[in-house]
Every structure is written in C-alpha cells, then in structure tokens.
Amino acid sequence: RGDGGRRSPSSLAARRLRAAQRGYVHPLPRGLRFVAVPAALHRRAKDALRGLVLHSELNGLCDAPSHFAAAAAVKARECLGAQRFRHALEVNRVAAQARHDWGKP
C-alpha cells in the first residue's frame, strides 16, 4: 500500500525512525554505494565486482597498478602467501567467467 502522498513530512520521518528502531531499515555502510542490476545478472555482477574489489586491493599492495588482476596477484604473491595467492587467482577466474562465459545462445 503506498501512502499516496497522504502522510505529512513529520509523519513520514517518525515512521522511518520507528522502522529503523525495529531493525527494518539500516544505514548505508560508510564508503559504500549500492548498484541496481537486472535480477538475471545479479550473480554475475556480484562475482565480477568481487574480482574488481580484489584487483583494487592487489594494486594497493604493489608499487604500481596492473592492468590485469592476475598480474597484480603475481606482483603481490610474496605479500599474499600461497593460500591467499591461490584464492586471488580463483576469485579472478570466477570474475572472468562471470564477464565472458555466456554459454550457448
């Protein structure tokens, strides 16, 4: 049921406050933004974004940014250790698959 414009601004503010107090509304995490994607692409978008976040983190570990995430992982390999390095390559593989593997038409 929409409010149809029948609630006053103070009533809407009180309603939002009650919803937040009851745990229905949460503040946007500091430094993050939400991106709307079509439902059919949600899983792919999450995987691709996970790869992009990792790439950014790996670039931060290296002296210079790398064009490719795998290259950034190789540059940061000593800092990462074997297990985290393998994890970085796996995240990159899944992200690449999300971006490029569309299956049969």
C-alpha atoms as a PDB file:
ATOM      1  CA  ARG A   1       0.000   0.000   0.000  1.00  0.00           C
ATOM      2  CA  GLY A   2       1.650   3.289  -0.912  1.00  0.00           C
ATOM      3  CA  ASP A   3       0.979   6.358   1.164  1.00  0.00           C
ATOM      4  CA  GLY A   4      -0.345   8.181  -1.902  1.00  0.00           C
ATOM      5  CA  GLY A   5       1.130  11.435  -0.637  1.00  0.00           C
ATOM      6  CA  ARG A   6      -1.249  11.471   2.345  1.00  0.00           C
ATOM      7  CA  ARG A   7       1.376  11.468   5.107  1.00  0.00           C
ATOM      8  CA  SER A   8       2.954  14.657   6.361  1.00  0.00           C
ATOM      9  CA  PRO A   9       6.758  15.014   6.289  1.00  0.00           C
ATOM     10  CA  SER A  10       6.885  14.724  10.097  1.00  0.00           C
ATOM     11  CA  SER A  11       4.725  11.585  10.000  1.00  0.00           C
ATOM     12  CA  LEU A  12       6.992  10.043   7.360  1.00  0.00           C
ATOM     13  CA  ALA A  13      10.086  10.896   9.424  1.00  0.00           C
ATOM     14  CA  ALA A  14       8.538   9.313  12.535  1.00  0.00           C
ATOM     15  CA  ARG A  15       7.572   6.228  10.526  1.00  0.00           C
ATOM     16  CA  ARG A  16      11.106   5.868   9.173  1.00  0.00           C
ATOM     17  CA  LEU A  17      12.571   6.274  12.667  1.00  0.00           C
ATOM     18  CA  ARG A  18      10.274   3.534  14.040  1.00  0.00           C
ATOM     19  CA  ALA A  19      11.268   1.238  11.173  1.00  0.00           C
ATOM     20  CA  ALA A  20      14.964   1.851  11.907  1.00  0.00           C
ATOM     21  CA  GLN A  21      14.467   1.254  15.639  1.00  0.00           C
ATOM     22  CA  ARG A  22      12.733  -2.045  14.871  1.00  0.00           C
ATOM     23  CA  GLY A  23      15.548  -3.180  12.599  1.00  0.00           C
ATOM     24  CA  TYR A  24      13.756  -2.838   9.256  1.00  0.00           C
ATOM     25  CA  VAL A  25      15.952  -0.023   7.934  1.00  0.00           C
ATOM     26  CA  HIS A  26      19.735   0.011   8.062  1.00  0.00           C
ATOM     27  CA  PRO A  27      22.051   2.904   7.247  1.00  0.00           C
ATOM     28  CA  LEU A  28      24.169   2.694   4.128  1.00  0.00           C
ATOM     29  CA  PRO A  29      27.625   1.415   5.123  1.00  0.00           C
ATOM     30  CA  ARG A  30      30.195   4.241   5.133  1.00  0.00           C
ATOM     31  CA  GLY A  31      32.152   4.441   1.892  1.00  0.00           C
ATOM     32  CA  LEU A  32      29.884   2.015   0.011  1.00  0.00           C
ATOM     33  CA  ARG A  33      27.232   2.552  -2.638  1.00  0.00           C
ATOM     34  CA  PHE A  34      24.638   0.172  -3.987  1.00  0.00           C
ATOM     35  CA  VAL A  35      24.289  -0.604  -7.684  1.00  0.00           C
ATOM     36  CA  ALA A  36      20.988  -1.749  -9.162  1.00  0.00           C
ATOM     37  CA  VAL A  37      21.344  -4.597 -11.655  1.00  0.00           C
ATOM     38  CA  PRO A  38      18.767  -6.675 -13.507  1.00  0.00           C
ATOM     39  CA  ALA A  39      17.805  -9.744 -11.470  1.00  0.00           C
ATOM     40  CA  ALA A  40      19.071 -12.053 -14.207  1.00  0.00           C
ATOM     41  CA  LEU A  41      22.576 -10.544 -13.900  1.00  0.00           C
ATOM     42  CA  HIS A  42      22.750 -10.307 -10.101  1.00  0.00           C
ATOM     43  CA  ARG A  43      25.007 -13.347  -9.535  1.00  0.00           C
ATOM     44  CA  ARG A  44      27.323 -12.372 -12.408  1.00  0.00           C
ATOM     45  CA  ALA A  45      27.530  -8.787 -11.175  1.00  0.00           C
ATOM     46  CA  LYS A  46      28.460  -9.918  -7.650  1.00  0.00           C
ATOM     47  CA  ASP A  47      31.190 -12.207  -8.996  1.00  0.00           C
ATOM     48  CA  ALA A  48      32.546  -9.535 -11.348  1.00  0.00           C
ATOM     49  CA  LEU A  49      32.531  -6.909  -8.601  1.00  0.00           C
ATOM     50  CA  ARG A  50      34.278  -9.267  -6.177  1.00  0.00           C
ATOM     51  CA  GLY A  51      37.053  -9.550  -8.786  1.00  0.00           C
ATOM     52  CA  LEU A  52      37.213  -5.784  -9.232  1.00  0.00           C
ATOM     53  CA  VAL A  53      37.475  -5.202  -5.464  1.00  0.00           C
ATOM     54  CA  LEU A  54      40.237  -7.810  -5.232  1.00  0.00           C
ATOM     55  CA  HIS A  55      42.083  -6.203  -8.164  1.00  0.00           C
ATOM     56  CA  SER A  56      41.950  -2.848  -6.379  1.00  0.00           C
ATOM     57  CA  GLU A  57      43.264  -4.403  -3.152  1.00  0.00           C
ATOM     58  CA  LEU A  58      46.080  -6.168  -5.004  1.00  0.00           C
ATOM     59  CA  ASN A  59      47.042  -2.940  -6.766  1.00  0.00           C
ATOM     60  CA  GLY A  60      47.307  -1.359  -3.315  1.00  0.00           C
ATOM     61  CA  LEU A  61      49.847  -3.998  -2.276  1.00  0.00           C
ATOM     62  CA  CYS A  62      52.031  -3.399  -5.323  1.00  0.00           C
ATOM     63  CA  ASP A  63      54.205  -0.434  -6.198  1.00  0.00           C
ATOM     64  CA  ALA A  64      52.313   0.169  -9.444  1.00  0.00           C
ATOM     65  CA  PRO A  65      48.835  -0.816 -10.618  1.00  0.00           C
ATOM     66  CA  SER A  66      48.452  -3.729 -13.011  1.00  0.00           C
ATOM     67  CA  HIS A  67      46.119  -3.765 -15.988  1.00  0.00           C
ATOM     68  CA  PHE A  68      45.152  -7.387 -15.264  1.00  0.00           C
ATOM     69  CA  ALA A  69      44.100  -8.765 -11.871  1.00  0.00           C
ATOM     70  CA  ALA A  70      46.161 -11.931 -12.343  1.00  0.00           C
ATOM     71  CA  ALA A  71      49.254  -9.805 -12.991  1.00  0.00           C
ATOM     72  CA  ALA A  72      48.519  -7.834  -9.818  1.00  0.00           C
ATOM     73  CA  ALA A  73      48.249 -11.131  -7.914  1.00  0.00           C
ATOM     74  CA  VAL A  74      51.609 -12.283  -9.273  1.00  0.00           C
ATOM     75  CA  LYS A  75      53.209  -8.958  -8.270  1.00  0.00           C
ATOM     76  CA  ALA A  76      51.729  -9.270  -4.764  1.00  0.00           C
ATOM     77  CA  ARG A  77      52.427 -13.002  -4.419  1.00  0.00           C
ATOM     78  CA  GLU A  78      55.138 -12.630  -1.780  1.00  0.00           C
ATOM     79  CA  CYS A  79      52.892 -10.409   0.356  1.00  0.00           C
ATOM     80  CA  LEU A  80      49.915 -12.729  -0.048  1.00  0.00           C
ATOM     81  CA  GLY A  81      51.384 -16.110   0.747  1.00  0.00           C
ATOM     82  CA  ALA A  82      50.492 -19.304  -1.113  1.00  0.00           C
ATOM     83  CA  GLN A  83      46.913 -19.753   0.134  1.00  0.00           C
ATOM     84  CA  ARG A  84      45.809 -16.143  -0.412  1.00  0.00           C
ATOM     85  CA  PHE A  85      47.542 -16.134  -3.814  1.00  0.00           C
ATOM     86  CA  ARG A  86      45.558 -19.217  -4.912  1.00  0.00           C
ATOM     87  CA  HIS A  87      42.383 -17.607  -3.569  1.00  0.00           C
ATOM     88  CA  ALA A  88      43.096 -14.419  -5.555  1.00  0.00           C
ATOM     89  CA  LEU A  89      43.525 -16.418  -8.748  1.00  0.00           C
ATOM     90  CA  GLU A  90      40.267 -18.290  -8.071  1.00  0.00           C
ATOM     91  CA  VAL A  91      38.339 -15.064  -7.459  1.00  0.00           C
ATOM     92  CA  ASN A  92      39.789 -13.688 -10.698  1.00  0.00           C
ATOM     93  CA  ARG A  93      38.829 -16.867 -12.589  1.00  0.00           C
ATOM     94  CA  VAL A  94      35.230 -16.693 -11.345  1.00  0.00           C
ATOM     95  CA  ALA A  95      35.045 -12.966 -12.166  1.00  0.00           C
ATOM     96  CA  ALA A  96      36.343 -13.560 -15.693  1.00  0.00           C
ATOM     97  CA  GLN A  97      33.833 -16.364 -16.170  1.00  0.00           C
ATOM     98  CA  ALA A  98      31.028 -14.064 -14.991  1.00  0.00           C
ATOM     99  CA  ARG A  99      32.061 -11.437 -17.536  1.00  0.00           C
ATOM    100  CA  HIS A 100      32.822 -13.655 -20.508  1.00  0.00           C
ATOM    101  CA  ASP A 101      31.129 -17.080 -20.335  1.00  0.00           C
ATOM    102  CA  TRP A 102      27.619 -16.594 -21.689  1.00  0.00           C
ATOM    103  CA  GLY A 103      27.109 -20.208 -22.737  1.00  0.00           C
ATOM    104  CA  LYS A 104      25.169 -21.196 -25.809  1.00  0.00           C
ATOM    105  CA  PRO A 105      22.718 -18.630 -27.205  1.00  0.00           C
END
